Amino acid sequence: MVDKIPARLAQHPTVRKVRSRSTPRPGVLDAAWLRELCLAAGADDVAFASVDNPDLASEREHVDAALPGTKSFISLVVRMNRDNVRSTARSVANQEFHRSGEVMNEAAHRIVRRLQDAGYRALNPSATFPMEMDNFPGRIWVVAHKPVAVAAGLGVMGIHRNVIHPKFGNFILLGTILVDAPVSSYGQPLDYSPCLECKLCVAACPVGAIGKKGEFDFVACSVHNYREFMGGFTDWVQTIADSSDATDSVLG
């Protein structure tokens, strides 16, 4: 394709400089080097998974659209401060989630920059709130962090539908980086579940979204957690339904 550059562009200084470069294709990423890079960037744990992993077949179409030629997933873990997450004060818990999300996104940004400088193509989708709302009610996220983390060996999905890390437990946020190269060694799923099945999550869920036998009511969970997002429509409807008159609905 380079040889087909129009003559009027071929002599441009930028084009000439690019064509004169010797840029050999980067090879396989060394897993040990990549792990140290990720930890130094701010992640608390990291593992890798191949896009060819059969457990991640549902992700292939989406990651190919996001970064054509993706070969590997880099799964990242950032741990959260436990008592902040446990706090009943919403400002405390919410701040911990947002701050940890900032740490994750910053770490992923640094890792992608290093990979890019080394000649690889890499992309870090948002670790927190998805934004592709034009796809709603379909898939609104670029990559599903949880199944990637499980396939890479960073934890097991509990009955509450969160990944439980073998060291940090539930107090983690997950992120994923896509890279267009294989990694020398991929992680393996854990051969046990850190979940004790104590059913504390069942008792603690404020909307009963988690069943005793492992059933999960996604709608109840999402409506509760995202009631201030997506326009706040659910809260508005509930306010109107519970109001005795027009004045009450405004004040409520």
Foldseek 3Di string as FASTA:
>chain_A
DLVPPDPVCCPDPVSVVVVPDDDDADAAAEPVVLQVLLVVLQFPGKFKDFCPPPLNVVLNVLVCVVPNQFTMKIKTKDFFDPVQCVDPPCVSNVVRVVVSQVSVVSSLVSSQVVCVVVPKHKDWWRQDDFDQCVQPVPDRGRGDNQSRCQQQAQADQDLQRAGQGLPRGRRIGMTMMTINHHHPDGHHGDPDHPDPLPCPCCVPPPQNQGDSVSHGDVVSVCCVVQCVHPPNVVVLVVLVVPAPDPVSSVVD
